[in-house]
Amino acid sequence: MAVDKRGRSSARVQLTGLAAGFHAVAPLPPGADETAVIAAARERRVGLHGIGAYRGNPEPAAPPALVMGFGNVRERAIEPAIASAADLLS
């Protein structure tokens, strides 16, 4: 998955939330385990958060997704981090 400076992403993973300027949300495939994806990303030194922790009233059927913050990350670190974790998002 690649994201350009305008926030466009590849067809495999559609990022949303980029207009806010501090985070992106990446949906995971149905049935994906947010916790397992986050743990695998951390092993690669990429910090991700599951969207489930941010839902006010989580529903068991709510689709899994990741929140990727970049408000306090140097721009040159964003693309390598996304490349490192891209296979975890599909």
PDB file of N, CA and C in Angstrom:
ATOM      1  N   MET A   1       0.841  -1.163   0.000  1.00  0.00           N
ATOM      2  CA  MET A   1       0.000   0.000   0.000  1.00  0.00           C
ATOM      3  C   MET A   1       0.889   1.229   0.000  1.00  0.00           C
ATOM      4  N   ALA A   2       0.547   2.182  -0.808  1.00  0.00           N
ATOM      5  CA  ALA A   2       1.277   3.449  -0.834  1.00  0.00           C
ATOM      6  C   ALA A   2       0.284   4.590  -0.679  1.00  0.00           C
ATOM      7  N   VAL A   3       0.720   5.621  -0.018  1.00  0.00           N
ATOM      8  CA  VAL A   3      -0.102   6.808   0.155  1.00  0.00           C
ATOM      9  C   VAL A   3       0.712   8.000  -0.287  1.00  0.00           C
ATOM     10  N   ASP A   4       0.148   8.818  -1.196  1.00  0.00           N
ATOM     11  CA  ASP A   4       0.889  10.008  -1.615  1.00  0.00           C
ATOM     12  C   ASP A   4       0.546  11.178  -0.706  1.00  0.00           C
ATOM     13  N   LYS A   5       1.142  12.311  -0.953  1.00  0.00           N
ATOM     14  CA  LYS A   5       0.947  13.471  -0.078  1.00  0.00           C
ATOM     15  C   LYS A   5      -0.484  13.986  -0.079  1.00  0.00           C
ATOM     16  N   ARG A   6      -1.272  13.597  -1.059  1.00  0.00           N
ATOM     17  CA  ARG A   6      -2.685  14.009  -1.093  1.00  0.00           C
ATOM     18  C   ARG A   6      -3.581  13.010  -0.376  1.00  0.00           C
ATOM     19  N   GLY A   7      -2.980  11.934   0.155  1.00  0.00           N
ATOM     20  CA  GLY A   7      -3.758  10.971   0.913  1.00  0.00           C
ATOM     21  C   GLY A   7      -4.402   9.885   0.093  1.00  0.00           C
ATOM     22  N   ARG A   8      -3.997   9.738  -1.152  1.00  0.00           N
ATOM     23  CA  ARG A   8      -4.557   8.656  -1.960  1.00  0.00           C
ATOM     24  C   ARG A   8      -3.870   7.358  -1.579  1.00  0.00           C
ATOM     25  N   SER A   9      -4.612   6.282  -1.572  1.00  0.00           N
ATOM     26  CA  SER A   9      -4.027   4.993  -1.237  1.00  0.00           C
ATOM     27  C   SER A   9      -4.287   4.006  -2.355  1.00  0.00           C
ATOM     28  N   SER A  10      -3.644   2.866  -2.268  1.00  0.00           N
ATOM     29  CA  SER A  10      -3.822   1.849  -3.291  1.00  0.00           C
ATOM     30  C   SER A  10      -5.232   1.281  -3.219  1.00  0.00           C
ATOM     31  N   ALA A  11      -5.582   0.498  -4.221  1.00  0.00           N
ATOM     32  CA  ALA A  11      -6.912  -0.102  -4.262  1.00  0.00           C
ATOM     33  C   ALA A  11      -7.081  -1.152  -3.162  1.00  0.00           C
ATOM     34  N   ARG A  12      -5.988  -1.733  -2.676  1.00  0.00           N
ATOM     35  CA  ARG A  12      -6.093  -2.785  -1.663  1.00  0.00           C
ATOM     36  C   ARG A  12      -6.571  -2.250  -0.316  1.00  0.00           C
ATOM     37  N   VAL A  13      -6.103  -1.094   0.089  1.00  0.00           N
ATOM     38  CA  VAL A  13      -6.475  -0.526   1.375  1.00  0.00           C
ATOM     39  C   VAL A  13      -6.882   0.921   1.164  1.00  0.00           C
ATOM     40  N   GLN A  14      -8.092   1.245   1.546  1.00  0.00           N
ATOM     41  CA  GLN A  14      -8.579   2.609   1.395  1.00  0.00           C
ATOM     42  C   GLN A  14      -8.481   3.321   2.735  1.00  0.00           C
ATOM     43  N   LEU A  15      -7.615   4.310   2.814  1.00  0.00           N
ATOM     44  CA  LEU A  15      -7.473   5.074   4.046  1.00  0.00           C
ATOM     45  C   LEU A  15      -8.513   6.187   4.096  1.00  0.00           C
ATOM     46  N   THR A  16      -9.036   6.429   5.285  1.00  0.00           N
ATOM     47  CA  THR A  16      -9.954   7.542   5.490  1.00  0.00           C
ATOM     48  C   THR A  16      -9.433   8.362   6.661  1.00  0.00           C
ATOM     49  N   GLY A  17      -9.977   9.539   6.864  1.00  0.00           N
ATOM     50  CA  GLY A  17      -9.610  10.379   7.989  1.00  0.00           C
ATOM     51  C   GLY A  17      -8.400  11.260   7.757  1.00  0.00           C
ATOM     52  N   LEU A  18      -7.796  11.183   6.579  1.00  0.00           N
ATOM     53  CA  LEU A  18      -6.577  11.942   6.315  1.00  0.00           C
ATOM     54  C   LEU A  18      -6.805  13.448   6.321  1.00  0.00           C
ATOM     55  N   ALA A  19      -7.996  13.887   5.996  1.00  0.00           N
ATOM     56  CA  ALA A  19      -8.273  15.322   5.943  1.00  0.00           C
ATOM     57  C   ALA A  19      -8.115  15.981   7.314  1.00  0.00           C
ATOM     58  N   ALA A  20      -8.282  15.208   8.372  1.00  0.00           N
ATOM     59  CA  ALA A  20      -8.119  15.758   9.716  1.00  0.00           C
ATOM     60  C   ALA A  20      -6.666  16.131   9.993  1.00  0.00           C
ATOM     61  N   GLY A  21      -5.755  15.486   9.305  1.00  0.00           N
ATOM     62  CA  GLY A  21      -4.352  15.852   9.404  1.00  0.00           C
ATOM     63  C   GLY A  21      -3.541  15.177  10.485  1.00  0.00           C
ATOM     64  N   PHE A  22      -4.137  14.364  11.328  1.00  0.00           N
ATOM     65  CA  PHE A  22      -3.380  13.743  12.408  1.00  0.00           C
ATOM     66  C   PHE A  22      -3.517  12.231  12.471  1.00  0.00           C
ATOM     67  N   HIS A  23      -4.396  11.658  11.678  1.00  0.00           N
ATOM     68  CA  HIS A  23      -4.572  10.214  11.702  1.00  0.00           C
ATOM     69  C   HIS A  23      -5.191   9.724  10.402  1.00  0.00           C
ATOM     70  N   ALA A  24      -5.081   8.428  10.217  1.00  0.00           N
ATOM     71  CA  ALA A  24      -5.764   7.756   9.115  1.00  0.00           C
ATOM     72  C   ALA A  24      -6.415   6.513   9.701  1.00  0.00           C
ATOM     73  N   VAL A  25      -7.500   6.082   9.090  1.00  0.00           N
ATOM     74  CA  VAL A  25      -8.182   4.868   9.502  1.00  0.00           C
ATOM     75  C   VAL A  25      -8.104   3.888   8.337  1.00  0.00           C
ATOM     76  N   ALA A  26      -7.655   2.675   8.640  1.00  0.00           N
ATOM     77  CA  ALA A  26      -7.536   1.635   7.619  1.00  0.00           C
ATOM     78  C   ALA A  26      -8.421   0.457   8.017  1.00  0.00           C
ATOM     79  N   PRO A  27      -9.411   0.143   7.198  1.00  0.00           N
ATOM     80  CA  PRO A  27     -10.253  -1.014   7.510  1.00  0.00           C
ATOM     81  C   PRO A  27      -9.453  -2.300   7.346  1.00  0.00           C
ATOM     82  N   LEU A  28      -9.775  -3.273   8.165  1.00  0.00           N
ATOM     83  CA  LEU A  28      -9.177  -4.597   8.054  1.00  0.00           C
ATOM     84  C   LEU A  28     -10.185  -5.534   7.397  1.00  0.00           C
ATOM     85  N   PRO A  29      -9.727  -6.636   6.856  1.00  0.00           N
ATOM     86  CA  PRO A  29     -10.669  -7.598   6.266  1.00  0.00           C
ATOM     87  C   PRO A  29     -11.656  -8.097   7.321  1.00  0.00           C
ATOM     88  N   PRO A  30     -12.873  -8.448   6.921  1.00  0.00           N
ATOM     89  CA  PRO A  30     -13.854  -8.969   7.876  1.00  0.00           C
ATOM     90  C   PRO A  30     -13.262 -10.145   8.657  1.00  0.00           C
ATOM     91  N   GLY A  31     -13.498 -10.122   9.956  1.00  0.00           N
ATOM     92  CA  GLY A  31     -13.013 -11.206  10.800  1.00  0.00           C
ATOM     93  C   GLY A  31     -11.570 -11.067  11.250  1.00  0.00           C
ATOM     94  N   ALA A  32     -10.868 -10.036  10.790  1.00  0.00           N
ATOM     95  CA  ALA A  32      -9.476  -9.839  11.202  1.00  0.00           C
ATOM     96  C   ALA A  32      -9.416  -9.522  12.694  1.00  0.00           C
ATOM     97  N   ASP A  33      -8.338  -9.897  13.309  1.00  0.00           N
ATOM     98  CA  ASP A  33      -8.135  -9.680  14.744  1.00  0.00           C
ATOM     99  C   ASP A  33      -7.296  -8.421  14.930  1.00  0.00           C
ATOM    100  N   GLU A  34      -7.935  -7.321  15.355  1.00  0.00           N
ATOM    101  CA  GLU A  34      -7.210  -6.061  15.556  1.00  0.00           C
ATOM    102  C   GLU A  34      -6.003  -6.242  16.467  1.00  0.00           C
ATOM    103  N   THR A  35      -6.192  -6.975  17.547  1.00  0.00           N
ATOM    104  CA  THR A  35      -5.114  -7.154  18.529  1.00  0.00           C
ATOM    105  C   THR A  35      -3.918  -7.864  17.913  1.00  0.00           C
ATOM    106  N   ALA A  36      -4.158  -8.886  17.112  1.00  0.00           N
ATOM    107  CA  ALA A  36      -3.062  -9.625  16.471  1.00  0.00           C
ATOM    108  C   ALA A  36      -2.339  -8.760  15.448  1.00  0.00           C
ATOM    109  N   VAL A  37      -3.076  -7.967  14.695  1.00  0.00           N
ATOM    110  CA  VAL A  37      -2.453  -7.074  13.706  1.00  0.00           C
ATOM    111  C   VAL A  37      -1.593  -6.031  14.403  1.00  0.00           C
ATOM    112  N   ILE A  38      -2.102  -5.465  15.483  1.00  0.00           N
ATOM    113  CA  ILE A  38      -1.353  -4.458  16.238  1.00  0.00           C
ATOM    114  C   ILE A  38      -0.069  -5.063  16.800  1.00  0.00           C
ATOM    115  N   ALA A  39      -0.156  -6.270  17.351  1.00  0.00           N
ATOM    116  CA  ALA A  39       1.031  -6.932  17.912  1.00  0.00           C
ATOM    117  C   ALA A  39       2.069  -7.198  16.825  1.00  0.00           C
ATOM    118  N   ALA A  40       1.628  -7.650  15.656  1.00  0.00           N
ATOM    119  CA  ALA A  40       2.563  -7.912  14.557  1.00  0.00           C
ATOM    120  C   ALA A  40       3.223  -6.617  14.080  1.00  0.00           C
ATOM    121  N   ALA A  41       2.446  -5.539  14.037  1.00  0.00           N
ATOM    122  CA  ALA A  41       3.016  -4.246  13.621  1.00  0.00           C
ATOM    123  C   ALA A  41       4.043  -3.763  14.644  1.00  0.00           C
ATOM    124  N   ARG A  42       3.756  -3.931  15.916  1.00  0.00           N
ATOM    125  CA  ARG A  42       4.700  -3.495  16.951  1.00  0.00           C
ATOM    126  C   ARG A  42       6.012  -4.276  16.872  1.00  0.00           C
ATOM    127  N   GLU A  43       5.939  -5.543  16.484  1.00  0.00           N
ATOM    128  CA  GLU A  43       7.167  -6.320  16.285  1.00  0.00           C
ATOM    129  C   GLU A  43       8.030  -5.697  15.189  1.00  0.00           C
ATOM    130  N   ARG A  44       7.385  -4.979  14.275  1.00  0.00           N
ATOM    131  CA  ARG A  44       8.090  -4.291  13.182  1.00  0.00           C
ATOM    132  C   ARG A  44       8.381  -2.835  13.532  1.00  0.00           C
ATOM    133  N   ARG A  45       8.133  -2.474  14.786  1.00  0.00           N
ATOM    134  CA  ARG A  45       8.373  -1.110  15.296  1.00  0.00           C
ATOM    135  C   ARG A  45       7.444  -0.081  14.651  1.00  0.00           C
ATOM    136  N   VAL A  46       6.215  -0.520  14.349  1.00  0.00           N
ATOM    137  CA  VAL A  46       5.189   0.367  13.808  1.00  0.00           C
ATOM    138  C   VAL A  46       4.051   0.408  14.825  1.00  0.00           C
ATOM    139  N   GLY A  47       3.719   1.600  15.292  1.00  0.00           N
ATOM    140  CA  GLY A  47       2.651   1.756  16.273  1.00  0.00           C
ATOM    141  C   GLY A  47       1.299   1.966  15.616  1.00  0.00           C
ATOM    142  N   LEU A  48       0.392   1.051  15.850  1.00  0.00           N
ATOM    143  CA  LEU A  48      -0.980   1.145  15.354  1.00  0.00           C
ATOM    144  C   LEU A  48      -1.920   0.966  16.543  1.00  0.00           C
ATOM    145  N   HIS A  49      -3.146   1.412  16.373  1.00  0.00           N
ATOM    146  CA  HIS A  49      -4.159   1.254  17.414  1.00  0.00           C
ATOM    147  C   HIS A  49      -5.426   0.719  16.762  1.00  0.00           C
ATOM    148  N   GLY A  50      -6.102  -0.162  17.454  1.00  0.00           N
ATOM    149  CA  GLY A  50      -7.376  -0.671  16.962  1.00  0.00           C
ATOM    150  C   GLY A  50      -8.468   0.358  17.158  1.00  0.00           C
ATOM    151  N   ILE A  51      -9.363   0.445  16.203  1.00  0.00           N
ATOM    152  CA  ILE A  51     -10.439   1.431  16.314  1.00  0.00           C
ATOM    153  C   ILE A  51     -11.437   1.033  17.401  1.00  0.00           C
ATOM    154  N   GLY A  52     -11.462  -0.236  17.747  1.00  0.00           N
ATOM    155  CA  GLY A  52     -12.390  -0.700  18.769  1.00  0.00           C
ATOM    156  C   GLY A  52     -12.258   0.053  20.073  1.00  0.00           C
ATOM    157  N   ALA A  53     -11.036   0.442  20.432  1.00  0.00           N
ATOM    158  CA  ALA A  53     -10.802   1.172  21.678  1.00  0.00           C
ATOM    159  C   ALA A  53     -11.395   2.576  21.644  1.00  0.00           C
ATOM    160  N   TYR A  54     -11.693   3.083  20.465  1.00  0.00           N
ATOM    161  CA  TYR A  54     -12.204   4.447  20.325  1.00  0.00           C
ATOM    162  C   TYR A  54     -13.710   4.495  20.085  1.00  0.00           C
ATOM    163  N   ARG A  55     -14.335   3.353  19.973  1.00  0.00           N
ATOM    164  CA  ARG A  55     -15.779   3.333  19.754  1.00  0.00           C
ATOM    165  C   ARG A  55     -16.484   3.531  21.083  1.00  0.00           C
ATOM    166  N   GLY A  56     -17.416   4.476  21.117  1.00  0.00           N
ATOM    167  CA  GLY A  56     -18.137   4.767  22.345  1.00  0.00           C
ATOM    168  C   GLY A  56     -19.004   3.622  22.805  1.00  0.00           C
ATOM    169  N   ASN A  57     -19.674   2.975  21.888  1.00  0.00           N
ATOM    170  CA  ASN A  57     -20.555   1.857  22.196  1.00  0.00           C
ATOM    171  C   ASN A  57     -20.231   0.739  21.212  1.00  0.00           C
ATOM    172  N   PRO A  58     -19.152  -0.005  21.462  1.00  0.00           N
ATOM    173  CA  PRO A  58     -18.724  -1.009  20.487  1.00  0.00           C
ATOM    174  C   PRO A  58     -19.757  -2.101  20.273  1.00  0.00           C
ATOM    175  N   GLU A  59     -19.936  -2.440  19.032  1.00  0.00           N
ATOM    176  CA  GLU A  59     -20.825  -3.531  18.663  1.00  0.00           C
ATOM    177  C   GLU A  59     -19.966  -4.704  18.217  1.00  0.00           C
ATOM    178  N   PRO A  60     -20.324  -5.913  18.603  1.00  0.00           N
ATOM    179  CA  PRO A  60     -19.524  -7.065  18.200  1.00  0.00           C
ATOM    180  C   PRO A  60     -19.400  -7.209  16.680  1.00  0.00           C
ATOM    181  N   ALA A  61     -20.408  -6.759  15.945  1.00  0.00           N
ATOM    182  CA  ALA A  61     -20.387  -6.906  14.495  1.00  0.00           C
ATOM    183  C   ALA A  61     -19.686  -5.744  13.786  1.00  0.00           C
ATOM    184  N   ALA A  62     -19.211  -4.751  14.542  1.00  0.00           N
ATOM    185  CA  ALA A  62     -18.549  -3.600  13.923  1.00  0.00           C
ATOM    186  C   ALA A  62     -17.283  -4.071  13.209  1.00  0.00           C
ATOM    187  N   PRO A  63     -17.029  -3.537  12.022  1.00  0.00           N
ATOM    188  CA  PRO A  63     -15.869  -3.995  11.260  1.00  0.00           C
ATOM    189  C   PRO A  63     -14.559  -3.588  11.935  1.00  0.00           C
ATOM    190  N   PRO A  64     -13.566  -4.476  11.895  1.00  0.00           N
ATOM    191  CA  PRO A  64     -12.269  -4.138  12.482  1.00  0.00           C
ATOM    192  C   PRO A  64     -11.546  -3.104  11.632  1.00  0.00           C
ATOM    193  N   ALA A  65     -10.797  -2.240  12.287  1.00  0.00           N
ATOM    194  CA  ALA A  65     -10.028  -1.214  11.575  1.00  0.00           C
ATOM    195  C   ALA A  65      -8.889  -0.755  12.469  1.00  0.00           C
ATOM    196  N   LEU A  66      -7.940  -0.085  11.857  1.00  0.00           N
ATOM    197  CA  LEU A  66      -6.792   0.446  12.584  1.00  0.00           C
ATOM    198  C   LEU A  66      -6.772   1.952  12.488  1.00  0.00           C
ATOM    199  N   VAL A  67      -6.283   2.585  13.537  1.00  0.00           N
ATOM    200  CA  VAL A  67      -6.062   4.029  13.551  1.00  0.00           C
ATOM    201  C   VAL A  67      -4.546   4.221  13.527  1.00  0.00           C
ATOM    202  N   MET A  68      -4.095   5.001  12.550  1.00  0.00           N
ATOM    203  CA  MET A  68      -2.664   5.266  12.415  1.00  0.00           C
ATOM    204  C   MET A  68      -2.440   6.758  12.603  1.00  0.00           C
ATOM    205  N   GLY A  69      -1.862   7.124  13.725  1.00  0.00           N
ATOM    206  CA  GLY A  69      -1.598   8.530  14.003  1.00  0.00           C
ATOM    207  C   GLY A  69      -0.281   8.972  13.388  1.00  0.00           C
ATOM    208  N   PHE A  70      -0.276  10.193  12.860  1.00  0.00           N
ATOM    209  CA  PHE A  70       0.967  10.717  12.298  1.00  0.00           C
ATOM    210  C   PHE A  70       1.162  12.188  12.627  1.00  0.00           C
ATOM    211  N   GLY A  71       0.431  12.689  13.597  1.00  0.00           N
ATOM    212  CA  GLY A  71       0.549  14.095  13.971  1.00  0.00           C
ATOM    213  C   GLY A  71       1.879  14.438  14.613  1.00  0.00           C
ATOM    214  N   ASN A  72       2.506  13.468  15.257  1.00  0.00           N
ATOM    215  CA  ASN A  72       3.777  13.707  15.937  1.00  0.00           C
ATOM    216  C   ASN A  72       4.865  12.789  15.352  1.00  0.00           C
ATOM    217  N   VAL A  73       4.789  12.566  14.039  1.00  0.00           N
ATOM    218  CA  VAL A  73       5.736  11.690  13.347  1.00  0.00           C
ATOM    219  C   VAL A  73       6.378  12.487  12.218  1.00  0.00           C
ATOM    220  N   ARG A  74       7.660  12.357  12.089  1.00  0.00           N
ATOM    221  CA  ARG A  74       8.329  13.048  10.978  1.00  0.00           C
ATOM    222  C   ARG A  74       7.848  12.475   9.653  1.00  0.00           C
ATOM    223  N   GLU A  75       7.639  13.355   8.692  1.00  0.00           N
ATOM    224  CA  GLU A  75       7.087  12.946   7.401  1.00  0.00           C
ATOM    225  C   GLU A  75       7.904  11.828   6.760  1.00  0.00           C
ATOM    226  N   ARG A  76       9.211  11.877   6.885  1.00  0.00           N
ATOM    227  CA  ARG A  76      10.046  10.861   6.237  1.00  0.00           C
ATOM    228  C   ARG A  76       9.870   9.477   6.863  1.00  0.00           C
ATOM    229  N   ALA A  77       9.267   9.389   8.036  1.00  0.00           N
ATOM    230  CA  ALA A  77       9.057   8.100   8.690  1.00  0.00           C
ATOM    231  C   ALA A  77       7.733   7.452   8.305  1.00  0.00           C
ATOM    232  N   ILE A  78       6.821   8.211   7.737  1.00  0.00           N
ATOM    233  CA  ILE A  78       5.473   7.690   7.467  1.00  0.00           C
ATOM    234  C   ILE A  78       5.484   6.620   6.378  1.00  0.00           C
ATOM    235  N   GLU A  79       6.064   6.914   5.242  1.00  0.00           N
ATOM    236  CA  GLU A  79       6.028   5.952   4.135  1.00  0.00           C
ATOM    237  C   GLU A  79       6.712   4.633   4.489  1.00  0.00           C
ATOM    238  N   PRO A  80       7.913   4.645   5.116  1.00  0.00           N
ATOM    239  CA  PRO A  80       8.522   3.361   5.489  1.00  0.00           C
ATOM    240  C   PRO A  80       7.664   2.573   6.485  1.00  0.00           C
ATOM    241  N   ALA A  81       7.004   3.266   7.386  1.00  0.00           N
ATOM    242  CA  ALA A  81       6.147   2.567   8.353  1.00  0.00           C
ATOM    243  C   ALA A  81       4.963   1.908   7.655  1.00  0.00           C
ATOM    244  N   ILE A  82       4.351   2.628   6.720  1.00  0.00           N
ATOM    245  CA  ILE A  82       3.230   2.056   5.971  1.00  0.00           C
ATOM    246  C   ILE A  82       3.702   0.865   5.150  1.00  0.00           C
ATOM    247  N   ALA A  83       4.850   1.000   4.496  1.00  0.00           N
ATOM    248  CA  ALA A  83       5.386  -0.111   3.693  1.00  0.00           C
ATOM    249  C   ALA A  83       5.670  -1.322   4.572  1.00  0.00           C
ATOM    250  N   SER A  84       6.160  -1.085   5.781  1.00  0.00           N
ATOM    251  CA  SER A  84       6.495  -2.178   6.690  1.00  0.00           C
ATOM    252  C   SER A  84       5.250  -2.941   7.151  1.00  0.00           C
ATOM    253  N   ALA A  85       4.145  -2.255   7.291  1.00  0.00           N
ATOM    254  CA  ALA A  85       2.927  -2.883   7.815  1.00  0.00           C
ATOM    255  C   ALA A  85       1.879  -3.192   6.752  1.00  0.00           C
ATOM    256  N   ALA A  86       2.145  -2.869   5.502  1.00  0.00           N
ATOM    257  CA  ALA A  86       1.128  -2.984   4.443  1.00  0.00           C
ATOM    258  C   ALA A  86       0.550  -4.393   4.329  1.00  0.00           C
ATOM    259  N   ASP A  87       1.369  -5.420   4.435  1.00  0.00           N
ATOM    260  CA  ASP A  87       0.862  -6.769   4.285  1.00  0.00           C
ATOM    261  C   ASP A  87      -0.076  -7.171   5.430  1.00  0.00           C
ATOM    262  N   LEU A  88       0.022  -6.485   6.553  1.00  0.00           N
ATOM    263  CA  LEU A  88      -0.856  -6.774   7.678  1.00  0.00           C
ATOM    264  C   LEU A  88      -2.257  -6.220   7.463  1.00  0.00           C
ATOM    265  N   LEU A  89      -2.394  -5.295   6.541  1.00  0.00           N
ATOM    266  CA  LEU A  89      -3.680  -4.615   6.322  1.00  0.00           C
ATOM    267  C   LEU A  89      -4.535  -5.282   5.259  1.00  0.00           C
ATOM    268  N   SER A  90      -4.021  -6.288   4.591  1.00  0.00           N
ATOM    269  CA  SER A  90      -4.810  -6.918   3.521  1.00  0.00           C
ATOM    270  C   SER A  90      -5.100  -8.362   3.815  1.00  0.00           C
TER     271      SER A  90
END
